Amino acid sequence: MSERYAVIMAGGRGERFWPLSTSKNPKQLLALVGDKALIAQAVDRLDGLIPPENIFVVTNSDLIEATQRAAPMLPSENVVGEPIGRDTAAAVACGGALVAARDPNGIFVVLTADQVMGDLDVFKATLKGGMDLAEQNEILVTIGIQPNFPSTGFGYIE
């Protein structure tokens, strides 16, 4: 069985939840749901699936220290800052390169820091099933919700 990793994208400009969210304190650093920052909740959701030392966070370079404070369970070297935000593709490529540098045979998932999951057991079972499928078949697995309308703000899977 291959080692498993996670790449959590934690970028953003702090515009969606303004005035609570700002460029210096974006939504992933806020406790919008529950009593922990969204980034800490994203890491906690992986408990039992992926160890903290195998979780990378890709964020803005000016948010590295704040992210490390919000998610102290991660090794500090696993929080990586992009000098300039280039959206999802660049963050995924960066995360993939980090995983490949550590473990060329690693299986990894890409998540966002601002997700809220209602049923943690279903989330974990789905994620584990996707990782198992990817490992057994050397394929890319995409997991998402069934869209009911197109949205350029959030994207969608067809």
C-alpha atoms as a PDB file:
ATOM      1  CA  MET A   1       0.000   0.000   0.000  1.00  0.00           C
ATOM      2  CA  SER A   2       1.301   3.452  -0.942  1.00  0.00           C
ATOM      3  CA  GLU A   3       1.747   6.266   1.555  1.00  0.00           C
ATOM      4  CA  ARG A   4      -1.182   8.655   1.547  1.00  0.00           C
ATOM      5  CA  TYR A   5      -0.948  12.441   1.527  1.00  0.00           C
ATOM      6  CA  ALA A   6      -3.234  15.444   1.470  1.00  0.00           C
ATOM      7  CA  VAL A   7      -2.784  18.837  -0.100  1.00  0.00           C
ATOM      8  CA  ILE A   8      -5.066  21.454   1.405  1.00  0.00           C
ATOM      9  CA  MET A   9      -5.486  24.594  -0.657  1.00  0.00           C
ATOM     10  CA  ALA A  10      -5.786  27.597   1.651  1.00  0.00           C
ATOM     11  CA  GLY A  11      -5.446  30.582  -0.614  1.00  0.00           C
ATOM     12  CA  GLY A  12      -7.938  33.288  -1.295  1.00  0.00           C
ATOM     13  CA  ARG A  13      -8.104  37.021  -0.982  1.00  0.00           C
ATOM     14  CA  GLY A  14     -10.477  37.354   1.966  1.00  0.00           C
ATOM     15  CA  GLU A  15     -13.298  38.832  -0.092  1.00  0.00           C
ATOM     16  CA  ARG A  16     -16.155  36.346   0.174  1.00  0.00           C
ATOM     17  CA  PHE A  17     -17.009  36.886   3.829  1.00  0.00           C
ATOM     18  CA  TRP A  18     -15.982  40.521   4.143  1.00  0.00           C
ATOM     19  CA  PRO A  19     -15.972  42.273   6.600  1.00  0.00           C
ATOM     20  CA  LEU A  20     -15.220  39.197   8.749  1.00  0.00           C
ATOM     21  CA  SER A  21     -12.745  37.903   6.211  1.00  0.00           C
ATOM     22  CA  THR A  22      -9.905  40.129   5.000  1.00  0.00           C
ATOM     23  CA  SER A  23      -6.698  39.622   3.031  1.00  0.00           C
ATOM     24  CA  LYS A  24      -4.743  39.341   6.314  1.00  0.00           C
ATOM     25  CA  ASN A  25      -7.364  37.126   7.968  1.00  0.00           C
ATOM     26  CA  PRO A  26      -9.196  35.146   5.251  1.00  0.00           C
ATOM     27  CA  LYS A  27     -12.025  32.706   5.902  1.00  0.00           C
ATOM     28  CA  GLN A  28      -9.774  29.647   6.365  1.00  0.00           C
ATOM     29  CA  LEU A  29      -8.341  31.322   9.478  1.00  0.00           C
ATOM     30  CA  LEU A  30     -11.770  32.067  10.933  1.00  0.00           C
ATOM     31  CA  ALA A  31     -13.957  29.848  13.123  1.00  0.00           C
ATOM     32  CA  LEU A  32     -17.049  30.396  10.984  1.00  0.00           C
ATOM     33  CA  VAL A  33     -18.560  27.014  11.893  1.00  0.00           C
ATOM     34  CA  GLY A  34     -17.545  25.499  15.220  1.00  0.00           C
ATOM     35  CA  ASP A  35     -14.855  26.684  17.574  1.00  0.00           C
ATOM     36  CA  LYS A  36     -11.764  26.104  15.413  1.00  0.00           C
ATOM     37  CA  ALA A  37     -10.462  27.842  12.310  1.00  0.00           C
ATOM     38  CA  LEU A  38     -11.633  26.211   9.078  1.00  0.00           C
ATOM     39  CA  ILE A  39      -8.049  25.156   8.247  1.00  0.00           C
ATOM     40  CA  ALA A  40      -7.744  23.347  11.603  1.00  0.00           C
ATOM     41  CA  GLN A  41     -11.060  21.599  10.946  1.00  0.00           C
ATOM     42  CA  ALA A  42      -9.831  20.536   7.490  1.00  0.00           C
ATOM     43  CA  VAL A  43      -6.754  18.934   9.074  1.00  0.00           C
ATOM     44  CA  ASP A  44      -8.783  17.338  11.889  1.00  0.00           C
ATOM     45  CA  ARG A  45     -11.145  15.708   9.349  1.00  0.00           C
ATOM     46  CA  LEU A  46      -8.204  13.690   8.036  1.00  0.00           C
ATOM     47  CA  ASP A  47      -7.516  12.096  11.434  1.00  0.00           C
ATOM     48  CA  GLY A  48      -7.259   8.335  10.989  1.00  0.00           C
ATOM     49  CA  LEU A  49      -6.796   8.634   7.211  1.00  0.00           C
ATOM     50  CA  ILE A  50      -3.650  10.710   6.714  1.00  0.00           C
ATOM     51  CA  PRO A  51      -1.095  11.525   9.415  1.00  0.00           C
ATOM     52  CA  PRO A  52      -0.285  15.226  10.012  1.00  0.00           C
ATOM     53  CA  GLU A  53       3.267  14.782   8.710  1.00  0.00           C
ATOM     54  CA  ASN A  54       1.748  13.832   5.319  1.00  0.00           C
ATOM     55  CA  ILE A  55      -0.532  16.866   5.090  1.00  0.00           C
ATOM     56  CA  PHE A  56       0.625  19.890   3.097  1.00  0.00           C
ATOM     57  CA  VAL A  57      -1.075  23.276   3.088  1.00  0.00           C
ATOM     58  CA  VAL A  58      -0.560  25.590   0.130  1.00  0.00           C
ATOM     59  CA  THR A  59      -1.395  29.170   1.072  1.00  0.00           C
ATOM     60  CA  ASN A  60      -0.338  32.732   0.355  1.00  0.00           C
ATOM     61  CA  SER A  61       3.237  33.463   1.411  1.00  0.00           C
ATOM     62  CA  ASP A  62       2.077  36.218   3.760  1.00  0.00           C
ATOM     63  CA  LEU A  63      -0.250  33.776   5.565  1.00  0.00           C
ATOM     64  CA  ILE A  64       2.304  31.080   6.442  1.00  0.00           C
ATOM     65  CA  GLU A  65       2.716  32.072  10.096  1.00  0.00           C
ATOM     66  CA  ALA A  66      -1.011  32.628  10.680  1.00  0.00           C
ATOM     67  CA  THR A  67      -1.754  29.241   9.107  1.00  0.00           C
ATOM     68  CA  GLN A  68       0.868  27.554  11.288  1.00  0.00           C
ATOM     69  CA  ARG A  69      -0.733  29.141  14.381  1.00  0.00           C
ATOM     70  CA  ALA A  70      -4.215  28.036  13.277  1.00  0.00           C
ATOM     71  CA  ALA A  71      -3.067  24.452  12.536  1.00  0.00           C
ATOM     72  CA  PRO A  72      -0.234  23.759  15.014  1.00  0.00           C
ATOM     73  CA  MET A  73      -0.653  19.999  14.570  1.00  0.00           C
ATOM     74  CA  LEU A  74       1.131  20.257  11.200  1.00  0.00           C
ATOM     75  CA  PRO A  75       4.905  20.312  10.836  1.00  0.00           C
ATOM     76  CA  SER A  76       5.847  23.900  10.014  1.00  0.00           C
ATOM     77  CA  GLU A  77       7.696  22.825   6.847  1.00  0.00           C
ATOM     78  CA  ASN A  78       4.407  21.422   5.497  1.00  0.00           C
ATOM     79  CA  VAL A  79       2.847  24.894   5.255  1.00  0.00           C
ATOM     80  CA  VAL A  80       4.039  26.318   1.955  1.00  0.00           C
ATOM     81  CA  GLY A  81       3.439  29.814   0.658  1.00  0.00           C
ATOM     82  CA  GLU A  82       2.896  30.857  -2.925  1.00  0.00           C
ATOM     83  CA  PRO A  83       4.543  34.203  -3.663  1.00  0.00           C
ATOM     84  CA  ILE A  84       1.642  35.092  -5.979  1.00  0.00           C
ATOM     85  CA  GLY A  85      -1.764  33.411  -5.960  1.00  0.00           C
ATOM     86  CA  ARG A  86      -2.352  31.665  -9.278  1.00  0.00           C
ATOM     87  CA  ASP A  87      -5.562  29.820  -8.410  1.00  0.00           C
ATOM     88  CA  THR A  88      -6.328  26.113  -8.246  1.00  0.00           C
ATOM     89  CA  ALA A  89      -4.130  24.605 -10.972  1.00  0.00           C
ATOM     90  CA  ALA A  90      -0.937  26.151  -9.618  1.00  0.00           C
ATOM     91  CA  ALA A  91      -1.770  25.141  -6.027  1.00  0.00           C
ATOM     92  CA  VAL A  92      -2.479  21.557  -7.112  1.00  0.00           C
ATOM     93  CA  ALA A  93       0.732  21.432  -9.155  1.00  0.00           C
ATOM     94  CA  CYS A  94       2.709  22.764  -6.173  1.00  0.00           C
ATOM     95  CA  GLY A  95       1.121  20.193  -3.866  1.00  0.00           C
ATOM     96  CA  GLY A  96       1.754  17.387  -6.346  1.00  0.00           C
ATOM     97  CA  ALA A  97       5.404  18.406  -6.598  1.00  0.00           C
ATOM     98  CA  LEU A  98       5.725  18.444  -2.790  1.00  0.00           C
ATOM     99  CA  VAL A  99       4.273  14.942  -2.539  1.00  0.00           C
ATOM    100  CA  ALA A 100       6.382  13.622  -5.440  1.00  0.00           C
ATOM    101  CA  ALA A 101       9.554  15.059  -3.888  1.00  0.00           C
ATOM    102  CA  ARG A 102       8.859  13.216  -0.658  1.00  0.00           C
ATOM    103  CA  ASP A 103       7.343  10.044  -2.111  1.00  0.00           C
ATOM    104  CA  PRO A 104       7.217   9.429  -5.889  1.00  0.00           C
ATOM    105  CA  ASN A 105       4.656   6.642  -5.339  1.00  0.00           C
ATOM    106  CA  GLY A 106       2.455   8.572  -2.923  1.00  0.00           C
ATOM    107  CA  ILE A 107      -1.301   8.802  -3.346  1.00  0.00           C
ATOM    108  CA  PHE A 108      -2.690  12.237  -2.550  1.00  0.00           C
ATOM    109  CA  VAL A 109      -5.970  14.035  -2.208  1.00  0.00           C
ATOM    110  CA  VAL A 110      -6.566  17.706  -2.853  1.00  0.00           C
ATOM    111  CA  LEU A 111      -8.957  19.488  -0.515  1.00  0.00           C
ATOM    112  CA  THR A 112      -9.857  23.059   0.288  1.00  0.00           C
ATOM    113  CA  ALA A 113      -9.484  24.694   3.677  1.00  0.00           C
ATOM    114  CA  ASP A 114     -12.957  26.182   3.611  1.00  0.00           C
ATOM    115  CA  GLN A 115     -15.085  23.046   3.262  1.00  0.00           C
ATOM    116  CA  VAL A 116     -17.745  22.219   5.823  1.00  0.00           C
ATOM    117  CA  MET A 117     -18.703  18.564   6.118  1.00  0.00           C
ATOM    118  CA  GLY A 118     -21.975  17.538   7.682  1.00  0.00           C
ATOM    119  CA  ASP A 119     -21.448  13.786   7.946  1.00  0.00           C
ATOM    120  CA  LEU A 120     -17.822  13.091   8.810  1.00  0.00           C
ATOM    121  CA  ASP A 121     -18.188   9.313   8.545  1.00  0.00           C
ATOM    122  CA  VAL A 122     -19.507   9.569   4.974  1.00  0.00           C
ATOM    123  CA  PHE A 123     -16.748  12.042   4.087  1.00  0.00           C
ATOM    124  CA  LYS A 124     -14.008   9.751   5.439  1.00  0.00           C
ATOM    125  CA  ALA A 125     -15.465   6.635   3.805  1.00  0.00           C
ATOM    126  CA  THR A 126     -15.767   8.445   0.471  1.00  0.00           C
ATOM    127  CA  LEU A 127     -12.236   9.818   0.673  1.00  0.00           C
ATOM    128  CA  LYS A 128     -10.804   6.433   1.651  1.00  0.00           C
ATOM    129  CA  GLY A 129     -12.726   4.746  -1.180  1.00  0.00           C
ATOM    130  CA  GLY A 130     -11.396   7.295  -3.666  1.00  0.00           C
ATOM    131  CA  MET A 131      -7.802   6.806  -2.476  1.00  0.00           C
ATOM    132  CA  ASP A 132      -8.191   3.017  -2.647  1.00  0.00           C
ATOM    133  CA  LEU A 133      -9.577   3.267  -6.179  1.00  0.00           C
ATOM    134  CA  ALA A 134      -6.783   5.611  -7.301  1.00  0.00           C
ATOM    135  CA  GLU A 135      -4.128   3.340  -5.830  1.00  0.00           C
ATOM    136  CA  GLN A 136      -5.517   0.141  -7.347  1.00  0.00           C
ATOM    137  CA  ASN A 137      -6.059   1.583 -10.811  1.00  0.00           C
ATOM    138  CA  GLU A 138      -3.528   4.441 -11.088  1.00  0.00           C
ATOM    139  CA  ILE A 139      -6.290   6.861 -12.000  1.00  0.00           C
ATOM    140  CA  LEU A 140      -7.438  10.343 -11.051  1.00  0.00           C
ATOM    141  CA  VAL A 141     -10.604  10.308  -8.944  1.00  0.00           C
ATOM    142  CA  THR A 142     -12.815  13.370  -8.637  1.00  0.00           C
ATOM    143  CA  ILE A 143     -15.323  13.621  -5.806  1.00  0.00           C
ATOM    144  CA  GLY A 144     -17.901  16.375  -5.707  1.00  0.00           C
ATOM    145  CA  ILE A 145     -21.520  17.189  -5.181  1.00  0.00           C
ATOM    146  CA  GLN A 146     -24.108  16.931  -7.931  1.00  0.00           C
ATOM    147  CA  PRO A 147     -24.462  20.463  -9.324  1.00  0.00           C
ATOM    148  CA  ASN A 148     -27.878  21.956  -9.999  1.00  0.00           C
ATOM    149  CA  PHE A 149     -26.622  25.055 -11.810  1.00  0.00           C
ATOM    150  CA  PRO A 150     -23.343  26.317 -13.314  1.00  0.00           C
ATOM    151  CA  SER A 151     -21.366  28.710 -11.160  1.00  0.00           C
ATOM    152  CA  THR A 152     -18.201  30.486 -12.193  1.00  0.00           C
ATOM    153  CA  GLY A 153     -17.735  31.558  -8.554  1.00  0.00           C
ATOM    154  CA  PHE A 154     -17.535  28.017  -7.215  1.00  0.00           C
ATOM    155  CA  GLY A 155     -17.017  25.891 -10.305  1.00  0.00           C
ATOM    156  CA  TYR A 156     -18.873  22.685 -10.994  1.00  0.00           C
ATOM    157  CA  ILE A 157     -18.365  19.176 -12.258  1.00  0.00           C
ATOM    158  CA  GLU A 158     -20.278  18.072 -15.347  1.00  0.00           C
END
